[in-house]
Protein backbone atom coordinates (compact mmCIF):
# COMPACT_ATOMS: atom_id res chain seq x y z
CA UNK A 1 21.31 12.57 -15.47
CA UNK A 2 18.32 10.79 -13.66
CA UNK A 3 15.33 10.88 -16.02
CA UNK A 4 12.21 12.87 -14.90
CA UNK A 5 9.18 10.80 -14.19
CA UNK A 6 6.23 11.92 -16.06
CA UNK A 7 3.62 10.09 -13.96
CA UNK A 8 4.79 11.67 -10.76
CA UNK A 9 4.01 15.09 -12.23
CA UNK A 10 1.00 17.09 -11.21
CA UNK A 11 -0.91 18.82 -13.90
CA UNK A 12 0.79 22.15 -13.25
CA UNK A 13 4.32 20.30 -13.17
CA UNK A 14 3.52 18.65 -16.46
CA UNK A 15 2.38 21.89 -17.95
CA UNK A 16 5.61 23.67 -17.12
CA UNK A 17 7.80 20.69 -18.39
CA UNK A 18 5.81 20.62 -21.76
CA UNK A 19 5.55 24.40 -22.35
CA UNK A 20 8.49 25.99 -20.61
CA UNK A 21 11.17 23.28 -20.99
CA UNK A 22 10.13 21.65 -24.17
CA UNK A 23 8.71 24.78 -25.75
CA UNK A 24 5.46 23.01 -26.89
CA UNK A 25 1.67 24.00 -26.96
CA UNK A 26 -0.27 23.72 -23.89
CA UNK A 27 -2.84 21.42 -25.58
CA UNK A 28 0.04 18.74 -25.60
CA UNK A 29 -0.38 18.36 -21.70
CA UNK A 30 -3.89 16.95 -22.13
CA UNK A 31 -2.63 14.56 -24.81
CA UNK A 32 0.15 13.31 -22.70
CA UNK A 33 -2.05 12.81 -19.49
CA UNK A 34 -4.28 10.76 -21.55
CA UNK A 35 -1.50 8.43 -22.67
CA UNK A 36 0.09 8.27 -19.16
CA UNK A 37 -3.23 7.13 -17.62
CA UNK A 38 -3.46 4.47 -20.23
CA UNK A 39 0.02 2.94 -19.39
CA UNK A 40 1.74 4.20 -22.63
CA UNK A 41 5.39 4.72 -22.97
CA UNK A 42 6.62 7.72 -24.52
CA UNK A 43 7.44 5.97 -27.80
CA UNK A 44 3.84 4.85 -27.96
CA UNK A 45 2.22 8.40 -27.75
CA UNK A 46 1.38 8.30 -31.54
CA UNK A 47 -0.34 11.61 -31.82
CA UNK A 48 2.90 13.44 -30.71
CA UNK A 49 5.38 14.12 -33.36
CA UNK A 50 8.46 11.87 -33.57
CA UNK A 51 10.89 14.78 -32.86
CA UNK A 52 8.93 15.44 -29.64
CA UNK A 53 8.91 11.82 -28.53
CA UNK A 54 12.56 11.61 -29.02
CA UNK A 55 13.35 14.70 -27.17
CA UNK A 56 11.02 13.53 -24.20
CA UNK A 57 12.53 10.14 -24.21
CA UNK A 58 16.09 11.68 -23.73
CA UNK A 59 15.07 13.34 -20.45
CA UNK A 60 12.02 11.51 -19.17
CA UNK A 61 10.47 8.29 -18.47
CA UNK A 62 6.69 7.77 -18.65
CA UNK A 63 6.21 5.00 -16.04
CA UNK A 64 9.31 4.43 -13.88
CA UNK A 65 7.91 0.83 -12.78
CA UNK A 66 7.68 -2.16 -14.81
CA UNK A 67 6.49 -5.64 -14.00
CA UNK A 68 9.11 -8.10 -13.85
CA UNK A 69 7.38 -11.32 -12.72
CA UNK A 70 3.76 -12.16 -12.12
CA UNK A 71 2.53 -15.21 -10.21
CA UNK A 72 -1.18 -16.26 -10.26
CA UNK A 73 -2.71 -18.21 -7.37
CA UNK A 74 -4.10 -21.58 -8.20
CA UNK A 75 -6.27 -21.40 -5.25
CA UNK A 76 -8.06 -18.10 -6.01
CA UNK A 77 -7.66 -15.07 -8.62
CA UNK A 78 -4.88 -13.37 -6.53
CA UNK A 79 -2.05 -12.34 -8.51
CA UNK A 80 1.28 -11.07 -7.24
CA UNK A 81 3.71 -8.77 -9.03
CA UNK A 82 7.36 -8.23 -8.75
CA UNK A 83 8.15 -4.81 -10.04
CA UNK A 84 11.58 -3.48 -11.20
CA UNK A 85 12.37 0.15 -10.60
CA UNK A 86 14.76 2.25 -12.81
CA UNK A 87 17.69 1.94 -10.18
CA UNK A 88 17.40 -1.79 -10.08
CA UNK A 89 15.52 -1.92 -6.87
CA UNK A 90 12.59 -4.61 -6.51
CA UNK A 91 9.08 -3.99 -4.92
CA UNK A 92 6.09 -6.00 -4.78
CA UNK A 93 2.27 -5.74 -5.14
CA UNK A 94 -0.75 -7.96 -5.03
CA UNK A 95 -4.00 -7.58 -6.81
CA UNK A 96 -7.01 -9.32 -5.41
CA UNK A 97 -10.10 -9.83 -7.36
CA UNK A 98 -13.47 -9.19 -5.41
CA UNK A 99 -17.19 -9.05 -6.68
CA UNK A 100 -16.93 -5.36 -6.06
CA UNK A 101 -13.88 -4.94 -8.27
CA UNK A 102 -10.15 -5.41 -8.29
CA UNK A 103 -8.15 -4.26 -5.21
CA UNK A 104 -4.25 -3.51 -5.68
CA UNK A 105 -1.85 -3.54 -2.66
CA UNK A 106 0.90 -1.14 -3.29
CA UNK A 107 4.20 -0.45 -1.82
CA UNK A 108 5.51 2.90 -0.58
CA UNK A 109 9.22 2.13 0.21
CA UNK A 110 11.80 -0.33 -0.79
CA UNK A 111 11.93 -2.39 2.16
CA UNK A 112 10.92 -0.94 5.53
CA UNK A 113 12.68 0.25 8.89
CA UNK A 114 9.71 -0.21 11.19
CA UNK A 115 11.23 -3.68 12.26
CA UNK A 116 7.72 -5.46 12.99
CA UNK A 117 8.40 -9.00 13.96
CA UNK A 118 5.63 -10.61 11.74
CA UNK A 119 6.66 -8.72 8.48
CA UNK A 120 9.17 -9.95 5.98
CA UNK A 121 9.67 -6.73 4.15
CA UNK A 122 11.45 -5.18 7.16
CA UNK A 123 14.03 -7.91 7.44
CA UNK A 124 16.66 -5.94 5.45
CA UNK A 125 15.55 -2.57 6.60
CA UNK A 126 14.63 0.47 4.26
CA UNK A 127 16.56 0.89 1.24
CA UNK A 128 14.88 4.21 0.02
CA UNK A 129 11.50 5.98 -0.22
CA UNK A 130 9.51 5.37 -3.49
CA UNK A 131 8.67 8.59 -5.37
CA UNK A 132 5.11 9.60 -5.98
CA UNK A 133 5.53 8.40 -9.65
CA UNK A 134 6.67 5.04 -8.50
CA UNK A 135 3.66 4.56 -6.14
CA UNK A 136 1.34 5.53 -9.02
CA UNK A 137 3.34 3.52 -11.45
CA UNK A 138 2.47 0.29 -9.66
CA UNK A 139 -1.38 1.14 -10.21
CA UNK A 140 -0.78 1.97 -13.90
CA UNK A 141 1.26 -1.07 -14.58
CA UNK A 142 -1.20 -3.37 -12.85
CA UNK A 143 -4.13 -1.79 -14.70
CA UNK A 144 -2.29 -2.60 -18.04
CA UNK A 145 -1.57 -6.34 -16.82
CA UNK A 146 -5.09 -7.07 -15.89
CA UNK A 147 -6.73 -5.16 -18.83
CA UNK A 148 -4.67 -7.26 -21.24
CA UNK A 149 -6.60 -10.27 -19.98
CA UNK A 150 -9.98 -8.66 -19.50
CA UNK A 151 -10.54 -5.17 -21.04
CA UNK A 152 -13.40 -4.60 -18.55
CA UNK A 153 -11.07 -4.89 -15.30
CA UNK A 154 -9.32 -2.20 -13.73
CA UNK A 155 -8.10 -1.42 -10.41
CA UNK A 156 -11.07 -0.13 -8.44
CA UNK A 157 -9.62 0.05 -4.88
CA UNK A 158 -6.23 0.69 -3.45
CA UNK A 159 -4.52 -0.30 -0.15
CA UNK A 160 -1.16 1.09 1.01
CA UNK A 161 -0.07 -1.98 2.74
CA UNK A 162 2.72 -3.21 0.74
CA UNK A 163 6.28 -2.77 1.64
CA UNK A 164 7.08 0.20 3.76
CA UNK A 165 5.42 2.56 6.08
CA UNK A 166 3.28 5.19 4.17
CA UNK A 167 3.64 7.87 6.75
CA UNK A 168 7.39 7.36 6.94
CA UNK A 169 7.39 8.58 3.21
CA UNK A 170 4.77 11.21 3.90
CA UNK A 171 5.31 13.84 1.03
CA UNK A 172 5.40 11.48 -1.55
CA UNK A 173 2.49 9.27 -0.31
CA UNK A 174 0.28 12.63 -0.21
CA UNK A 175 1.31 13.64 -3.62
CA UNK A 176 0.38 10.03 -4.87
CA UNK A 177 -3.00 10.30 -3.32
CA UNK A 178 -3.75 13.78 -5.09
CA UNK A 179 -2.42 12.24 -8.35
CA UNK A 180 -4.49 9.06 -8.25
CA UNK A 181 -7.56 10.99 -7.49
CA UNK A 182 -7.05 13.60 -10.31
CA UNK A 183 -9.97 13.58 -12.83
CA UNK A 184 -7.52 14.14 -15.69
CA UNK A 185 -5.65 11.02 -14.60
CA UNK A 186 -6.98 7.63 -13.12
CA UNK A 187 -9.66 9.49 -11.21
CA UNK A 188 -9.90 6.88 -8.39
CA UNK A 189 -12.04 8.06 -5.53
CA UNK A 190 -9.95 8.29 -2.30
CA UNK A 191 -12.89 6.59 -0.58
CA UNK A 192 -11.66 3.62 -2.26
CA UNK A 193 -8.21 3.98 -0.73
CA UNK A 194 -6.99 2.65 2.50
CA UNK A 195 -3.75 3.75 4.14
CA UNK A 196 -2.01 1.50 6.74
CA UNK A 197 0.35 2.80 9.36
CA UNK A 198 2.10 1.13 12.26
CA UNK A 199 1.16 4.11 14.26
CA UNK A 200 3.37 7.19 13.71
CA UNK A 201 1.16 9.41 15.89
CA UNK A 202 2.43 12.99 14.87
CA UNK A 203 2.07 12.07 11.03
CA UNK A 204 -1.41 10.64 11.92
CA UNK A 205 -2.57 14.10 13.20
CA UNK A 206 -0.93 15.74 10.10
CA UNK A 207 -2.78 13.37 7.67
CA UNK A 208 -6.14 14.05 9.43
CA UNK A 209 -5.40 17.75 8.42
CA UNK A 210 -4.99 17.05 4.65
CA UNK A 211 -8.59 16.78 3.76
CA UNK A 212 -8.34 13.41 2.06
CA UNK A 213 -11.22 10.99 2.71
CA UNK A 214 -8.97 8.01 2.73
CA UNK A 215 -9.72 5.21 5.18
CA UNK A 216 -7.06 4.83 7.88
CA UNK A 217 -5.86 1.36 8.88
CA UNK A 218 -3.70 1.14 12.03
CA UNK A 219 -1.65 -1.92 12.41
CA UNK A 220 -2.21 -2.60 16.11
CA UNK A 221 -1.65 -6.31 16.58
CA UNK A 222 -1.78 -6.23 20.44
CA UNK A 223 -4.05 -5.15 23.21
CA UNK A 224 -1.45 -3.50 25.35
CA UNK A 225 1.95 -1.77 25.25
CA UNK A 226 3.78 -4.66 26.78
CA UNK A 227 2.81 -7.12 23.96
CA UNK A 228 3.05 -4.49 21.21
CA UNK A 229 6.62 -3.45 22.23
CA UNK A 230 7.68 -6.97 21.82
CA UNK A 231 6.51 -7.43 18.24
CA UNK A 232 6.56 -3.43 16.96
CA UNK A 233 9.50 -1.42 17.87
CA UNK A 234 7.60 1.79 16.98
CA UNK A 235 5.46 1.11 20.08
CA UNK A 236 8.35 2.13 22.18
CA UNK A 237 8.25 5.78 20.63
CA UNK A 238 4.38 5.82 20.43
CA UNK A 239 2.40 4.17 23.35
CA UNK A 240 -0.98 2.82 22.55
CA UNK A 241 -2.86 5.74 24.42
CA UNK A 242 -1.08 8.15 21.98
CA UNK A 243 -2.07 6.15 19.03
CA UNK A 244 -5.53 5.61 19.72
CA UNK A 245 -5.83 9.38 20.53
CA UNK A 246 -4.64 10.03 17.09
CA UNK A 247 -7.14 7.60 15.74
CA UNK A 248 -9.99 9.50 17.65
CA UNK A 249 -8.86 12.69 16.14
CA UNK A 250 -8.95 11.08 12.69
CA UNK A 251 -12.57 9.83 13.15
CA UNK A 252 -13.45 13.39 14.50
CA UNK A 253 -11.73 15.34 11.52
CA UNK A 254 -12.64 13.09 8.59
CA UNK A 255 -16.05 11.30 9.71
CA UNK A 256 -14.48 8.05 8.67
CA UNK A 257 -14.23 5.10 10.93
CA UNK A 258 -10.70 3.53 11.72
CA UNK A 259 -9.77 -0.04 10.76
CA UNK A 260 -7.48 -1.82 13.28
CA UNK A 261 -5.35 -4.59 11.56
CA UNK A 262 -4.63 -7.29 14.13
CA UNK A 263 -2.55 -10.22 13.13
CA UNK A 264 -3.13 -13.13 15.19
CA UNK A 265 0.04 -14.72 16.43
CA UNK A 266 0.09 -18.09 18.31
CA UNK A 267 1.09 -17.84 21.84
CA UNK A 268 1.56 -14.13 21.66
CA UNK A 269 -1.81 -12.09 21.18
CA UNK A 270 -4.79 -14.31 20.38
CA UNK A 271 -6.11 -15.56 23.78
CA UNK A 272 -9.50 -14.77 24.97
CA UNK A 273 -8.14 -12.49 27.64
CA UNK A 274 -6.36 -10.42 24.96
CA UNK A 275 -9.71 -9.95 23.10
CA UNK A 276 -11.51 -8.67 26.27
CA UNK A 277 -8.55 -6.28 26.69
CA UNK A 278 -8.74 -5.08 23.25
CA UNK A 279 -12.60 -4.60 23.51
CA UNK A 280 -11.93 -2.38 26.56
CA UNK A 281 -9.39 -0.10 24.84
CA UNK A 282 -11.54 0.37 21.69
CA UNK A 283 -14.82 0.92 23.38
CA UNK A 284 -16.52 4.15 22.03
CA UNK A 285 -14.41 4.51 19.04
CA UNK A 286 -15.99 4.29 15.68
CA UNK A 287 -13.85 1.36 14.28
CA UNK A 288 -13.78 -2.06 12.79
CA UNK A 289 -11.16 -4.95 13.62
CA UNK A 290 -9.78 -6.73 10.97
CA UNK A 291 -8.38 -10.22 12.27
CA UNK A 292 -5.51 -11.68 10.23
CA UNK A 293 -4.33 -15.15 10.63
CA UNK A 294 -0.61 -14.70 10.43
CA UNK A 295 1.26 -15.83 7.42
CA UNK A 296 4.00 -18.00 9.02
CA UNK A 297 7.37 -16.03 8.93
CA UNK A 298 10.00 -18.62 9.20
CA UNK A 299 12.74 -16.03 9.75
CA UNK A 300 11.14 -15.11 13.01
CA UNK A 301 9.81 -18.44 14.10
CA UNK A 302 6.18 -16.96 14.29
CA UNK A 303 3.11 -19.27 13.75
CA UNK A 304 -0.57 -18.78 13.09
CA UNK A 305 -3.09 -19.88 15.60
CA UNK A 306 -5.66 -22.61 14.92
CA UNK A 307 -8.99 -21.70 13.12
CA UNK A 308 -10.76 -22.41 16.41
CA UNK A 309 -8.59 -19.86 18.16
CA UNK A 310 -9.27 -17.23 15.41
CA UNK A 311 -13.10 -17.76 15.59
CA UNK A 312 -13.08 -17.70 19.54
CA UNK A 313 -11.33 -14.24 19.38
CA UNK A 314 -13.59 -12.87 17.00
CA UNK A 315 -16.68 -14.13 18.95
CA UNK A 316 -15.27 -12.64 22.13
CA UNK A 317 -14.93 -9.13 20.50
CA UNK A 318 -18.38 -9.23 18.83
CA UNK A 319 -19.82 -10.14 22.41
CA UNK A 320 -18.19 -6.98 23.65
CA UNK A 321 -19.88 -4.93 20.68
CA UNK A 322 -16.63 -4.42 18.72
CA UNK A 323 -17.25 -5.03 14.97
CA UNK A 324 -14.69 -7.64 13.73
CA UNK A 325 -14.10 -9.93 10.58
CA UNK A 326 -11.50 -12.40 9.68
CA UNK A 327 -9.50 -11.49 6.73
CA UNK A 328 -9.82 -14.12 3.96
CA UNK A 329 -6.64 -15.68 3.26
CA UNK A 330 -5.60 -15.05 -0.36
CA UNK A 331 -2.73 -16.10 -2.42
CA UNK A 332 -1.33 -18.41 0.16
CA UNK A 333 0.34 -20.49 -2.69
CA UNK A 334 2.23 -17.50 -4.33
CA UNK A 335 3.90 -15.96 -1.27
CA UNK A 336 1.10 -13.49 -0.80
CA UNK A 337 2.48 -11.98 2.35
CA UNK A 338 4.29 -8.69 2.26
CA UNK A 339 7.85 -8.76 1.51
CA UNK A 340 8.11 -12.67 0.75
CA UNK A 341 8.49 -12.41 -2.92
CA UNK A 342 11.03 -9.52 -3.10
CA UNK A 343 13.05 -11.39 -0.56
CA UNK A 344 13.14 -14.67 -2.61
CA UNK A 345 14.34 -12.68 -5.54
CA UNK A 346 16.99 -11.02 -3.54
CA UNK A 347 18.25 -14.25 -2.18
CA UNK A 348 18.16 -15.82 -5.68
CA UNK A 349 20.32 -12.99 -7.05
CA UNK A 350 22.72 -13.27 -4.15
CA UNK A 351 23.36 -16.81 -4.94
CA UNK A 352 24.14 -16.15 -8.63
């Protein structure tokens, strides 16, 4: 029987588990919640009786995620994690250290089925969705790892920009957001959370109605449908006009500006004319453009433009009154881009 994931339980679900299934007193729920937020395994919950810990361990697991490998950049303080799941699958995440606190990039699926040309995590398709407990487990595991080095550090900000399309795993992602915000758990403000989508327009409308003050990031990466369809298969189903309408709805419903992620790809989408067309499409929308010099994806023969081309693109947007910044490259020496570390591990395993 597959073990229950305690981290993935809401307060009400944990109470039913403890009181109804285990026959314990309700005050145990608070004790267990505190241990879970601190990253403890069931065996380490020392204010529970040995018998209770034994019974829980037979049918449940605290955190279904563990850090298998960690790789720290020699260029900055970025650190990449390769996580192991209970079924043997691998996912990855990155913790980036900023002056305002640590930001963790988390995965929402094992692999991805969106097929974006610039992303390594989609090369082998989607294996399965992650549970809410597995998404939250990445945050808890990362907290334990960085706090072992510095007790004052913890994850302050979360970006759902790792492997997978968050809105393709809608129910588990929404549950994760409510769990990570729970005052009895990690209590991370949802204003410190960003969710990145490639543009599943119907789900974007659904998400706007959830009442969650999350920053929505749209992977746009092109100024028009012709280019977007070449690098993002999802664009065949949801044209830019539909996706931008969903963005405008999100701004109206939440009052939060939308972030547009734009990976600059040499000879594809980074000329001045592309910047001018993009500015026309975004005019009047409360937004910011995050320009991303591409991490080279050798499997797809895609290259990054020069620094001069990146700077020229940014200047052109700003001249058209579109707020834009260039994302600082982090973790370049540790396969910082999404999906690369997992792919190396899978290839290594396949080679024996």
